[in-house]
Amino acid sequence: MVNYSANNLLESNLLNFGRNINEATGEIINTNKKGETITPHQTAYYKGLTFVIYDTGSIFISGSIHKYYYNGLHNFKDFGIHEINHVLNDFKDNFKITPEQCILKNIELGANLIPPIKTETILNGCLLHKTKPFEFKYNSDEGKYLQCSHSQYWVKIYDKRKHYQKHFNIENDILRFELKFNRMEYFNKKDIYTLKDLIKSNLRRFKDRLLTEWNNVLFYDKTSINKSQKQLQYSNPYYWLELKSQNFKYHRNELNKLINQNPKNIKGQITKLLSKKIDIVNSKTNQNDTLYILSNRIVNKPSRI
């Protein structure tokens, strides 16, 4: 953060800062789990956010502002432009933080949808993104999800309902599609450097990017390919990975033709839902929805805000 006094946080009655202390010696711990030296710092937690003040003067805030809006409990409910503005006002009132003081290091663009079919079936049909295969990943916060890594961003697809169904009553599947940018080049080219820049920009500017990246998913819809001569080949990720460039493009077009000819066209349905969702959530009304944009801070490794 720039032009911001750490005292605003240290003096807040909402935050309780502490340091990692060696209980045996009483010394401050200045190494991480790998034994690497880290900069001494103080840490506090509030509503799912982590506040870190380094002895050098740097300040980092990480965590989901979507979860912050829901008291740090979850991020599966609606969160749109109205809710973003509410959180920004809360930051200003509670911590004297303004958007222009927040320099963005990572950004997530994403949408939560109620899918036309079971999310698990959709995940099983997502074979590649562009020409790279999806991988199943797992972490304690997000559970099991599909991920494809590119040089400047990751694509993630998962069922958000499964992450929270043990603690909350959620009636429908929630398909989450998101792009997590680990570099800011795409946004810097649009003159977006701070949180203020992001909020001032028309968030619909990112609609085409989300739709394009969903369209880049090589999606195998078995209801469309059933009885096709290419059924076995098209359902196998290794078949696609072994194709040369021109053959890959040809067969991808053939696959998309079969999918588009299907009246159900699951991939097309998701495209329409995604488009509608983005339009709704970016309207400046009290309409709540589930597209959210998370700015991220990086200290030594990617962390989330």
C-alpha atoms as a PDB file:
ATOM      1  CA  MET A   1       0.000   0.000   0.000  1.00  0.00           C
ATOM      2  CA  VAL A   2       1.180   3.559  -0.718  1.00  0.00           C
ATOM      3  CA  ASN A   3       0.896   6.737   1.353  1.00  0.00           C
ATOM      4  CA  TYR A   4      -0.686   4.826   4.194  1.00  0.00           C
ATOM      5  CA  SER A   5       0.212   4.828   7.871  1.00  0.00           C
ATOM      6  CA  ALA A   6       0.517   1.468   9.636  1.00  0.00           C
ATOM      7  CA  ASN A   7      -0.837   3.166  12.760  1.00  0.00           C
ATOM      8  CA  ASN A   8      -4.300   3.096  11.176  1.00  0.00           C
ATOM      9  CA  LEU A   9      -4.164  -0.677  11.524  1.00  0.00           C
ATOM     10  CA  LEU A  10      -2.125  -0.949  14.725  1.00  0.00           C
ATOM     11  CA  GLU A  11      -4.528   1.360  16.563  1.00  0.00           C
ATOM     12  CA  SER A  12      -7.682  -0.318  15.256  1.00  0.00           C
ATOM     13  CA  ASN A  13      -9.743  -2.067  17.939  1.00  0.00           C
ATOM     14  CA  LEU A  14     -10.818  -4.588  15.263  1.00  0.00           C
ATOM     15  CA  LEU A  15      -7.314  -5.987  14.791  1.00  0.00           C
ATOM     16  CA  ASN A  16      -5.090  -7.852  17.234  1.00  0.00           C
ATOM     17  CA  PHE A  17      -1.534  -8.013  15.868  1.00  0.00           C
ATOM     18  CA  GLY A  18       0.973 -10.598  16.938  1.00  0.00           C
ATOM     19  CA  ARG A  19       4.325 -12.115  15.980  1.00  0.00           C
ATOM     20  CA  ASN A  20       5.552 -15.695  15.627  1.00  0.00           C
ATOM     21  CA  ILE A  21       7.562 -16.366  18.764  1.00  0.00           C
ATOM     22  CA  ASN A  22       9.782 -19.309  19.666  1.00  0.00           C
ATOM     23  CA  GLU A  23       8.175 -20.449  22.925  1.00  0.00           C
ATOM     24  CA  ALA A  24      11.420 -22.008  24.185  1.00  0.00           C
ATOM     25  CA  THR A  25      13.658 -18.969  23.675  1.00  0.00           C
ATOM     26  CA  GLY A  26      11.168 -16.119  23.424  1.00  0.00           C
ATOM     27  CA  GLU A  27      12.864 -14.984  20.217  1.00  0.00           C
ATOM     28  CA  ILE A  28      10.993 -13.751  17.123  1.00  0.00           C
ATOM     29  CA  ILE A  29      10.903 -16.415  14.404  1.00  0.00           C
ATOM     30  CA  ASN A  30      12.491 -15.052  11.240  1.00  0.00           C
ATOM     31  CA  THR A  31      12.438 -18.209   9.100  1.00  0.00           C
ATOM     32  CA  ASN A  32       9.671 -20.049   7.283  1.00  0.00           C
ATOM     33  CA  LYS A  33       8.911 -23.773   7.203  1.00  0.00           C
ATOM     34  CA  LYS A  34      11.647 -24.304   4.620  1.00  0.00           C
ATOM     35  CA  GLY A  35      14.217 -22.611   6.807  1.00  0.00           C
ATOM     36  CA  GLU A  36      14.388 -19.567   4.541  1.00  0.00           C
ATOM     37  CA  THR A  37      14.887 -16.138   6.106  1.00  0.00           C
ATOM     38  CA  ILE A  38      11.798 -13.929   6.087  1.00  0.00           C
ATOM     39  CA  THR A  39      11.313 -10.270   6.940  1.00  0.00           C
ATOM     40  CA  PRO A  40      10.075  -9.759  10.524  1.00  0.00           C
ATOM     41  CA  HIS A  41       6.423  -8.803  10.599  1.00  0.00           C
ATOM     42  CA  GLN A  42       3.223  -8.573  12.601  1.00  0.00           C
ATOM     43  CA  THR A  43      -0.005 -10.306  11.554  1.00  0.00           C
ATOM     44  CA  ALA A  44      -3.688  -9.829  12.356  1.00  0.00           C
ATOM     45  CA  TYR A  45      -6.885 -11.451  11.075  1.00  0.00           C
ATOM     46  CA  TYR A  46     -10.373 -10.068  10.567  1.00  0.00           C
ATOM     47  CA  LYS A  47     -13.375 -11.447   8.672  1.00  0.00           C
ATOM     48  CA  GLY A  48     -11.240 -13.750   6.520  1.00  0.00           C
ATOM     49  CA  LEU A  49      -8.620 -11.114   5.696  1.00  0.00           C
ATOM     50  CA  THR A  50      -4.975 -11.247   6.757  1.00  0.00           C
ATOM     51  CA  PHE A  51      -3.246  -7.956   7.610  1.00  0.00           C
ATOM     52  CA  VAL A  52       0.569  -8.030   7.574  1.00  0.00           C
ATOM     53  CA  ILE A  53       2.822  -5.149   8.621  1.00  0.00           C
ATOM     54  CA  TYR A  54       6.505  -5.718   7.889  1.00  0.00           C
ATOM     55  CA  ASP A  55       9.200  -4.077   9.960  1.00  0.00           C
ATOM     56  CA  THR A  56      10.434  -2.517   6.699  1.00  0.00           C
ATOM     57  CA  GLY A  57       7.161  -0.545   6.520  1.00  0.00           C
ATOM     58  CA  SER A  58       5.453  -2.546   3.787  1.00  0.00           C
ATOM     59  CA  ILE A  59       1.811  -3.431   4.369  1.00  0.00           C
ATOM     60  CA  PHE A  60      -0.051  -6.283   2.701  1.00  0.00           C
ATOM     61  CA  ILE A  61      -3.679  -7.329   2.936  1.00  0.00           C
ATOM     62  CA  SER A  62      -4.679 -10.740   1.626  1.00  0.00           C
ATOM     63  CA  GLY A  63      -7.881 -12.767   1.567  1.00  0.00           C
ATOM     64  CA  SER A  64     -11.200 -12.716  -0.218  1.00  0.00           C
ATOM     65  CA  ILE A  65     -13.211  -9.486  -0.034  1.00  0.00           C
ATOM     66  CA  HIS A  66     -16.132 -11.655  -1.119  1.00  0.00           C
ATOM     67  CA  LYS A  67     -15.733 -13.647   2.119  1.00  0.00           C
ATOM     68  CA  TYR A  68     -15.160 -10.414   4.029  1.00  0.00           C
ATOM     69  CA  TYR A  69     -18.608  -9.206   2.972  1.00  0.00           C
ATOM     70  CA  TYR A  70     -20.081 -12.387   4.482  1.00  0.00           C
ATOM     71  CA  ASN A  71     -18.106 -12.023   7.731  1.00  0.00           C
ATOM     72  CA  GLY A  72     -15.351 -14.365   6.589  1.00  0.00           C
ATOM     73  CA  LEU A  73     -17.675 -17.375   6.470  1.00  0.00           C
ATOM     74  CA  HIS A  74     -18.066 -18.151   2.755  1.00  0.00           C
ATOM     75  CA  ASN A  75     -18.060 -16.833  -0.811  1.00  0.00           C
ATOM     76  CA  PHE A  76     -20.737 -18.914  -2.509  1.00  0.00           C
ATOM     77  CA  LYS A  77     -23.537 -16.335  -2.310  1.00  0.00           C
ATOM     78  CA  ASP A  78     -24.042 -13.320  -4.538  1.00  0.00           C
ATOM     79  CA  PHE A  79     -21.381 -10.623  -4.699  1.00  0.00           C
ATOM     80  CA  GLY A  80     -21.641  -7.865  -7.281  1.00  0.00           C
ATOM     81  CA  ILE A  81     -20.701  -4.236  -7.825  1.00  0.00           C
ATOM     82  CA  HIS A  82     -23.061  -3.095  -5.066  1.00  0.00           C
ATOM     83  CA  GLU A  83     -21.337  -5.401  -2.575  1.00  0.00           C
ATOM     84  CA  ILE A  84     -17.868  -4.362  -3.763  1.00  0.00           C
ATOM     85  CA  ASN A  85     -18.713  -0.713  -3.051  1.00  0.00           C
ATOM     86  CA  HIS A  86     -20.053  -1.690   0.367  1.00  0.00           C
ATOM     87  CA  VAL A  87     -16.744  -3.385   1.234  1.00  0.00           C
ATOM     88  CA  LEU A  88     -14.715  -0.399  -0.005  1.00  0.00           C
ATOM     89  CA  ASN A  89     -16.758   1.921   2.212  1.00  0.00           C
ATOM     90  CA  ASP A  90     -16.212  -0.474   5.100  1.00  0.00           C
ATOM     91  CA  PHE A  91     -12.441  -0.405   4.530  1.00  0.00           C
ATOM     92  CA  LYS A  92     -12.491   3.387   4.602  1.00  0.00           C
ATOM     93  CA  ASP A  93     -14.606   3.575   7.759  1.00  0.00           C
ATOM     94  CA  ASN A  94     -12.798   0.833   9.696  1.00  0.00           C
ATOM     95  CA  PHE A  95      -9.198   1.152   8.519  1.00  0.00           C
ATOM     96  CA  LYS A  96      -8.959   4.466   6.607  1.00  0.00           C
ATOM     97  CA  ILE A  97      -7.998   2.504   3.479  1.00  0.00           C
ATOM     98  CA  THR A  98      -8.885   4.068   0.124  1.00  0.00           C
ATOM     99  CA  PRO A  99      -8.821   2.294  -3.281  1.00  0.00           C
ATOM    100  CA  GLU A 100      -6.077   4.523  -4.715  1.00  0.00           C
ATOM    101  CA  GLN A 101      -3.708   3.349  -1.961  1.00  0.00           C
ATOM    102  CA  CYS A 102      -4.026  -0.304  -2.997  1.00  0.00           C
ATOM    103  CA  ILE A 103      -1.606  -1.420  -5.713  1.00  0.00           C
ATOM    104  CA  LEU A 104      -2.824  -4.581  -7.428  1.00  0.00           C
ATOM    105  CA  LYS A 105      -0.461  -7.516  -7.892  1.00  0.00           C
ATOM    106  CA  ASN A 106      -2.910 -10.282  -8.815  1.00  0.00           C
ATOM    107  CA  ILE A 107      -6.518 -10.284  -9.986  1.00  0.00           C
ATOM    108  CA  GLU A 108      -9.175 -12.959 -10.289  1.00  0.00           C
ATOM    109  CA  LEU A 109     -12.088 -12.688 -12.704  1.00  0.00           C
ATOM    110  CA  GLY A 110     -14.837 -15.217 -12.251  1.00  0.00           C
ATOM    111  CA  ALA A 111     -18.495 -16.109 -12.168  1.00  0.00           C
ATOM    112  CA  ASN A 112     -20.685 -18.513 -10.211  1.00  0.00           C
ATOM    113  CA  LEU A 113     -23.473 -20.150 -12.228  1.00  0.00           C
ATOM    114  CA  ILE A 114     -26.278 -22.592 -11.615  1.00  0.00           C
ATOM    115  CA  PRO A 115     -25.328 -25.120 -14.324  1.00  0.00           C
ATOM    116  CA  PRO A 116     -27.785 -26.716 -16.778  1.00  0.00           C
ATOM    117  CA  ILE A 117     -26.537 -30.199 -15.779  1.00  0.00           C
ATOM    118  CA  LYS A 118     -24.533 -31.653 -12.901  1.00  0.00           C
ATOM    119  CA  THR A 119     -21.286 -29.771 -12.331  1.00  0.00           C
ATOM    120  CA  GLU A 120     -19.379 -33.041 -12.012  1.00  0.00           C
ATOM    121  CA  THR A 121     -20.493 -34.015 -15.534  1.00  0.00           C
ATOM    122  CA  ILE A 122     -19.305 -30.655 -16.861  1.00  0.00           C
ATOM    123  CA  LEU A 123     -15.923 -31.031 -15.153  1.00  0.00           C
ATOM    124  CA  ASN A 124     -15.474 -34.486 -16.644  1.00  0.00           C
ATOM    125  CA  GLY A 125     -16.118 -33.006 -20.095  1.00  0.00           C
ATOM    126  CA  CYS A 126     -13.469 -30.269 -19.770  1.00  0.00           C
ATOM    127  CA  LEU A 127     -10.420 -31.908 -21.341  1.00  0.00           C
ATOM    128  CA  LEU A 128      -8.081 -29.100 -22.373  1.00  0.00           C
ATOM    129  CA  HIS A 129      -7.819 -25.333 -22.285  1.00  0.00           C
ATOM    130  CA  LYS A 130      -6.455 -24.221 -25.637  1.00  0.00           C
ATOM    131  CA  THR A 131      -3.891 -27.004 -26.152  1.00  0.00           C
ATOM    132  CA  LYS A 132      -3.015 -27.704 -22.502  1.00  0.00           C
ATOM    133  CA  PRO A 133      -4.699 -30.414 -20.406  1.00  0.00           C
ATOM    134  CA  PHE A 134      -6.653 -29.651 -17.261  1.00  0.00           C
ATOM    135  CA  GLU A 135      -5.380 -31.142 -14.019  1.00  0.00           C
ATOM    136  CA  PHE A 136      -7.358 -32.013 -10.919  1.00  0.00           C
ATOM    137  CA  LYS A 137      -6.031 -30.092  -7.901  1.00  0.00           C
ATOM    138  CA  TYR A 138      -6.967 -29.966  -4.243  1.00  0.00           C
ATOM    139  CA  ASN A 139      -6.529 -27.577  -1.361  1.00  0.00           C
ATOM    140  CA  SER A 140      -8.172 -27.262   2.036  1.00  0.00           C
ATOM    141  CA  ASP A 141      -9.964 -24.010   1.186  1.00  0.00           C
ATOM    142  CA  GLU A 142     -11.344 -24.737  -2.289  1.00  0.00           C
ATOM    143  CA  GLY A 143     -11.508 -28.535  -2.265  1.00  0.00           C
ATOM    144  CA  LYS A 144     -11.167 -30.400  -5.573  1.00  0.00           C
ATOM    145  CA  TYR A 145     -11.010 -28.341  -8.758  1.00  0.00           C
ATOM    146  CA  LEU A 146      -9.832 -28.362 -12.375  1.00  0.00           C
ATOM    147  CA  GLN A 147      -6.910 -26.126 -13.250  1.00  0.00           C
ATOM    148  CA  CYS A 148      -4.916 -25.274 -16.352  1.00  0.00           C
ATOM    149  CA  SER A 149      -1.826 -23.072 -15.954  1.00  0.00           C
ATOM    150  CA  HIS A 150      -0.606 -20.576 -18.546  1.00  0.00           C
ATOM    151  CA  SER A 151       2.310 -18.173 -18.307  1.00  0.00           C
ATOM    152  CA  GLN A 152       0.264 -15.199 -17.043  1.00  0.00           C
ATOM    153  CA  TYR A 153      -2.930 -16.752 -15.700  1.00  0.00           C
ATOM    154  CA  TRP A 154      -4.637 -19.921 -14.518  1.00  0.00           C
ATOM    155  CA  VAL A 155      -8.047 -21.229 -15.494  1.00  0.00           C
ATOM    156  CA  LYS A 156     -10.017 -22.879 -12.694  1.00  0.00           C
ATOM    157  CA  ILE A 157     -13.360 -24.700 -12.833  1.00  0.00           C
ATOM    158  CA  TYR A 158     -15.047 -26.353  -9.869  1.00  0.00           C
ATOM    159  CA  ASP A 159     -18.240 -26.989  -7.908  1.00  0.00           C
ATOM    160  CA  LYS A 160     -18.392 -24.338  -5.192  1.00  0.00           C
ATOM    161  CA  ARG A 161     -21.373 -26.035  -3.578  1.00  0.00           C
ATOM    162  CA  LYS A 162     -19.239 -29.021  -2.563  1.00  0.00           C
ATOM    163  CA  HIS A 163     -16.866 -26.726  -0.703  1.00  0.00           C
ATOM    164  CA  TYR A 164     -19.589 -25.474   1.639  1.00  0.00           C
ATOM    165  CA  GLN A 165     -22.384 -28.059   1.689  1.00  0.00           C
ATOM    166  CA  LYS A 166     -21.212 -29.566   4.989  1.00  0.00           C
ATOM    167  CA  HIS A 167     -21.870 -26.293   6.814  1.00  0.00           C
ATOM    168  CA  PHE A 168     -24.529 -24.571   4.693  1.00  0.00           C
ATOM    169  CA  ASN A 169     -27.799 -25.629   3.091  1.00  0.00           C
ATOM    170  CA  ILE A 170     -27.193 -25.045  -0.634  1.00  0.00           C
ATOM    171  CA  GLU A 171     -29.944 -26.336  -2.902  1.00  0.00           C
ATOM    172  CA  ASN A 172     -28.249 -26.182  -6.318  1.00  0.00           C
ATOM    173  CA  ASP A 173     -24.874 -26.983  -7.796  1.00  0.00           C
ATOM    174  CA  ILE A 174     -22.723 -23.860  -8.225  1.00  0.00           C
ATOM    175  CA  LEU A 175     -20.384 -24.005 -11.212  1.00  0.00           C
ATOM    176  CA  ARG A 176     -17.428 -21.684 -10.707  1.00  0.00           C
ATOM    177  CA  PHE A 177     -15.421 -20.515 -13.733  1.00  0.00           C
ATOM    178  CA  GLU A 178     -12.529 -18.161 -13.048  1.00  0.00           C
ATOM    179  CA  LEU A 179      -9.304 -16.710 -14.393  1.00  0.00           C
ATOM    180  CA  LYS A 180      -6.553 -16.052 -11.879  1.00  0.00           C
ATOM    181  CA  PHE A 181      -3.929 -13.668 -13.234  1.00  0.00           C
ATOM    182  CA  ASN A 182      -0.482 -14.048 -11.662  1.00  0.00           C
ATOM    183  CA  ARG A 183       0.893 -11.164 -13.723  1.00  0.00           C
ATOM    184  CA  MET A 184      -0.611  -7.741 -14.299  1.00  0.00           C
ATOM    185  CA  GLU A 185       0.412  -7.150 -17.919  1.00  0.00           C
ATOM    186  CA  TYR A 186      -3.121  -7.613 -19.284  1.00  0.00           C
ATOM    187  CA  PHE A 187      -4.535  -5.046 -16.831  1.00  0.00           C
ATOM    188  CA  ASN A 188      -1.614  -2.623 -16.995  1.00  0.00           C
ATOM    189  CA  LYS A 189      -2.206  -2.348 -20.746  1.00  0.00           C
ATOM    190  CA  LYS A 190      -5.671  -1.099 -19.822  1.00  0.00           C
ATOM    191  CA  ASP A 191      -4.133   1.449 -17.401  1.00  0.00           C
ATOM    192  CA  ILE A 192      -5.245  -0.518 -14.366  1.00  0.00           C
ATOM    193  CA  TYR A 193      -2.669  -0.389 -11.564  1.00  0.00           C
ATOM    194  CA  THR A 194      -4.634   0.306  -8.394  1.00  0.00           C
ATOM    195  CA  LEU A 195      -7.932  -0.785  -6.934  1.00  0.00           C
ATOM    196  CA  LYS A 196      -9.297   2.659  -7.800  1.00  0.00           C
ATOM    197  CA  ASP A 197      -8.349   2.149 -11.457  1.00  0.00           C
ATOM    198  CA  LEU A 198     -10.169  -1.171 -11.440  1.00  0.00           C
ATOM    199  CA  ILE A 199     -13.366   0.188  -9.896  1.00  0.00           C
ATOM    200  CA  LYS A 200     -13.377   3.246 -12.199  1.00  0.00           C
ATOM    201  CA  SER A 201     -13.062   1.062 -15.282  1.00  0.00           C
ATOM    202  CA  ASN A 202     -16.142  -0.456 -16.811  1.00  0.00           C
ATOM    203  CA  LEU A 203     -16.022  -4.005 -15.486  1.00  0.00           C
ATOM    204  CA  ARG A 204     -17.904  -5.151 -18.576  1.00  0.00           C
ATOM    205  CA  ARG A 205     -14.564  -4.665 -20.359  1.00  0.00           C
ATOM    206  CA  PHE A 206     -13.617  -8.103 -19.051  1.00  0.00           C
ATOM    207  CA  LYS A 207     -16.741  -9.860 -20.304  1.00  0.00           C
ATOM    208  CA  ASP A 208     -15.222 -10.750 -23.668  1.00  0.00           C
ATOM    209  CA  ARG A 209     -12.107 -12.141 -21.970  1.00  0.00           C
ATOM    210  CA  LEU A 210     -14.128 -14.470 -19.739  1.00  0.00           C
ATOM    211  CA  LEU A 211     -16.297 -15.644 -22.627  1.00  0.00           C
ATOM    212  CA  THR A 212     -13.262 -16.164 -24.875  1.00  0.00           C
ATOM    213  CA  GLU A 213     -11.469 -18.250 -22.252  1.00  0.00           C
ATOM    214  CA  TRP A 214     -14.565 -20.389 -21.693  1.00  0.00           C
ATOM    215  CA  ASN A 215     -14.800 -20.866 -25.460  1.00  0.00           C
ATOM    216  CA  ASN A 216     -11.131 -21.988 -25.387  1.00  0.00           C
ATOM    217  CA  VAL A 217     -12.116 -24.956 -23.239  1.00  0.00           C
ATOM    218  CA  LEU A 218     -12.041 -28.159 -25.276  1.00  0.00           C
ATOM    219  CA  PHE A 219     -15.331 -29.573 -24.044  1.00  0.00           C
ATOM    220  CA  TYR A 220     -16.411 -33.142 -24.662  1.00  0.00           C
ATOM    221  CA  ASP A 221     -20.210 -33.416 -24.511  1.00  0.00           C
ATOM    222  CA  LYS A 222     -21.001 -37.122 -24.688  1.00  0.00           C
ATOM    223  CA  THR A 223     -24.652 -36.429 -25.535  1.00  0.00           C
ATOM    224  CA  SER A 224     -23.465 -34.652 -28.694  1.00  0.00           C
ATOM    225  CA  ILE A 225     -20.769 -37.147 -29.676  1.00  0.00           C
ATOM    226  CA  ASN A 226     -22.700 -40.319 -28.873  1.00  0.00           C
ATOM    227  CA  LYS A 227     -22.638 -42.782 -31.799  1.00  0.00           C
ATOM    228  CA  SER A 228     -20.109 -40.638 -33.629  1.00  0.00           C
ATOM    229  CA  GLN A 229     -17.209 -42.475 -35.252  1.00  0.00           C
ATOM    230  CA  LYS A 230     -14.881 -40.214 -33.288  1.00  0.00           C
ATOM    231  CA  GLN A 231     -16.506 -40.877 -29.919  1.00  0.00           C
ATOM    232  CA  LEU A 232     -13.598 -42.815 -28.408  1.00  0.00           C
ATOM    233  CA  GLN A 233     -10.907 -40.528 -29.787  1.00  0.00           C
ATOM    234  CA  TYR A 234     -12.609 -37.233 -28.916  1.00  0.00           C
ATOM    235  CA  SER A 235     -13.239 -38.311 -25.309  1.00  0.00           C
ATOM    236  CA  ASN A 236      -9.553 -39.081 -24.739  1.00  0.00           C
ATOM    237  CA  PRO A 237      -7.292 -36.137 -23.729  1.00  0.00           C
ATOM    238  CA  TYR A 238      -4.209 -38.029 -24.910  1.00  0.00           C
ATOM    239  CA  TYR A 239      -5.662 -38.245 -28.415  1.00  0.00           C
ATOM    240  CA  TRP A 240      -5.779 -34.441 -28.559  1.00  0.00           C
ATOM    241  CA  LEU A 241      -2.320 -34.002 -27.089  1.00  0.00           C
ATOM    242  CA  GLU A 242      -0.770 -36.205 -29.768  1.00  0.00           C
ATOM    243  CA  LEU A 243      -2.306 -34.266 -32.676  1.00  0.00           C
ATOM    244  CA  LYS A 244      -0.169 -31.867 -34.637  1.00  0.00           C
ATOM    245  CA  SER A 245      -1.266 -28.237 -34.861  1.00  0.00           C
ATOM    246  CA  GLN A 246      -3.280 -28.366 -38.093  1.00  0.00           C
ATOM    247  CA  ASN A 247      -4.903 -31.681 -37.232  1.00  0.00           C
ATOM    248  CA  PHE A 248      -5.754 -30.364 -33.789  1.00  0.00           C
ATOM    249  CA  LYS A 249      -7.536 -27.325 -35.241  1.00  0.00           C
ATOM    250  CA  TYR A 250      -9.407 -29.469 -37.748  1.00  0.00           C
ATOM    251  CA  HIS A 251     -10.705 -31.966 -35.179  1.00  0.00           C
ATOM    252  CA  ARG A 252     -11.507 -29.259 -32.653  1.00  0.00           C
ATOM    253  CA  ASN A 253     -13.709 -27.605 -35.274  1.00  0.00           C
ATOM    254  CA  GLU A 254     -15.321 -30.966 -36.016  1.00  0.00           C
ATOM    255  CA  LEU A 255     -16.013 -31.492 -32.317  1.00  0.00           C
ATOM    256  CA  ASN A 256     -17.539 -28.018 -31.990  1.00  0.00           C
ATOM    257  CA  LYS A 257     -19.751 -28.669 -35.020  1.00  0.00           C
ATOM    258  CA  LEU A 258     -21.175 -31.780 -33.374  1.00  0.00           C
ATOM    259  CA  ILE A 259     -21.750 -29.902 -30.120  1.00  0.00           C
ATOM    260  CA  ASN A 260     -23.425 -26.941 -31.854  1.00  0.00           C
ATOM    261  CA  GLN A 261     -25.738 -29.281 -33.768  1.00  0.00           C
ATOM    262  CA  ASN A 262     -27.066 -30.683 -30.490  1.00  0.00           C
ATOM    263  CA  PRO A 263     -30.236 -28.803 -29.419  1.00  0.00           C
ATOM    264  CA  LYS A 264     -29.099 -29.040 -25.775  1.00  0.00           C
ATOM    265  CA  ASN A 265     -25.575 -27.730 -26.505  1.00  0.00           C
ATOM    266  CA  ILE A 266     -24.359 -27.664 -22.892  1.00  0.00           C
ATOM    267  CA  LYS A 267     -21.300 -25.564 -23.671  1.00  0.00           C
ATOM    268  CA  GLY A 268     -23.476 -23.005 -25.476  1.00  0.00           C
ATOM    269  CA  GLN A 269     -25.903 -22.895 -22.547  1.00  0.00           C
ATOM    270  CA  ILE A 270     -23.047 -22.141 -20.174  1.00  0.00           C
ATOM    271  CA  THR A 271     -21.825 -19.371 -22.499  1.00  0.00           C
ATOM    272  CA  LYS A 272     -25.251 -17.698 -22.361  1.00  0.00           C
ATOM    273  CA  LEU A 273     -25.460 -18.072 -18.568  1.00  0.00           C
ATOM    274  CA  LEU A 274     -21.991 -16.608 -18.173  1.00  0.00           C
ATOM    275  CA  SER A 275     -22.815 -13.652 -20.420  1.00  0.00           C
ATOM    276  CA  LYS A 276     -26.055 -12.903 -18.591  1.00  0.00           C
ATOM    277  CA  LYS A 277     -24.389 -13.233 -15.203  1.00  0.00           C
ATOM    278  CA  ILE A 278     -21.701 -10.689 -16.051  1.00  0.00           C
ATOM    279  CA  ASP A 279     -24.276  -8.175 -17.311  1.00  0.00           C
ATOM    280  CA  ILE A 280     -26.392  -8.500 -14.170  1.00  0.00           C
ATOM    281  CA  VAL A 281     -23.571  -8.259 -11.679  1.00  0.00           C
ATOM    282  CA  ASN A 282     -22.092  -5.166 -13.302  1.00  0.00           C
ATOM    283  CA  SER A 283     -25.340  -3.235 -13.251  1.00  0.00           C
ATOM    284  CA  LYS A 284     -25.251  -0.375 -10.732  1.00  0.00           C
ATOM    285  CA  THR A 285     -28.292  -1.512  -8.785  1.00  0.00           C
ATOM    286  CA  ASN A 286     -28.919  -3.433  -5.612  1.00  0.00           C
ATOM    287  CA  GLN A 287     -29.060  -6.604  -7.687  1.00  0.00           C
ATOM    288  CA  ASN A 288     -26.741  -9.105  -6.058  1.00  0.00           C
ATOM    289  CA  ASP A 289     -24.934 -11.650  -8.140  1.00  0.00           C
ATOM    290  CA  THR A 290     -21.897 -13.837  -8.228  1.00  0.00           C
ATOM    291  CA  LEU A 291     -19.248 -12.379 -10.495  1.00  0.00           C
ATOM    292  CA  TYR A 292     -16.528 -11.038  -8.263  1.00  0.00           C
ATOM    293  CA  ILE A 293     -13.149  -9.524  -8.854  1.00  0.00           C
ATOM    294  CA  LEU A 294     -10.480 -10.149  -6.267  1.00  0.00           C
ATOM    295  CA  SER A 295      -7.289  -8.159  -6.123  1.00  0.00           C
ATOM    296  CA  ASN A 296      -4.292 -10.071  -4.834  1.00  0.00           C
ATOM    297  CA  ARG A 297      -1.108  -9.199  -3.044  1.00  0.00           C
ATOM    298  CA  ILE A 298       2.171 -11.057  -3.464  1.00  0.00           C
ATOM    299  CA  VAL A 299       4.806 -11.163  -0.717  1.00  0.00           C
ATOM    300  CA  ASN A 300       7.061 -14.116  -1.488  1.00  0.00           C
ATOM    301  CA  LYS A 301       4.409 -16.312  -3.060  1.00  0.00           C
ATOM    302  CA  PRO A 302       0.900 -15.643  -4.440  1.00  0.00           C
ATOM    303  CA  SER A 303      -1.695 -14.805  -1.784  1.00  0.00           C
ATOM    304  CA  ARG A 304      -5.268 -13.666  -2.213  1.00  0.00           C
ATOM    305  CA  ILE A 305      -7.288 -10.564  -1.619  1.00  0.00           C
END
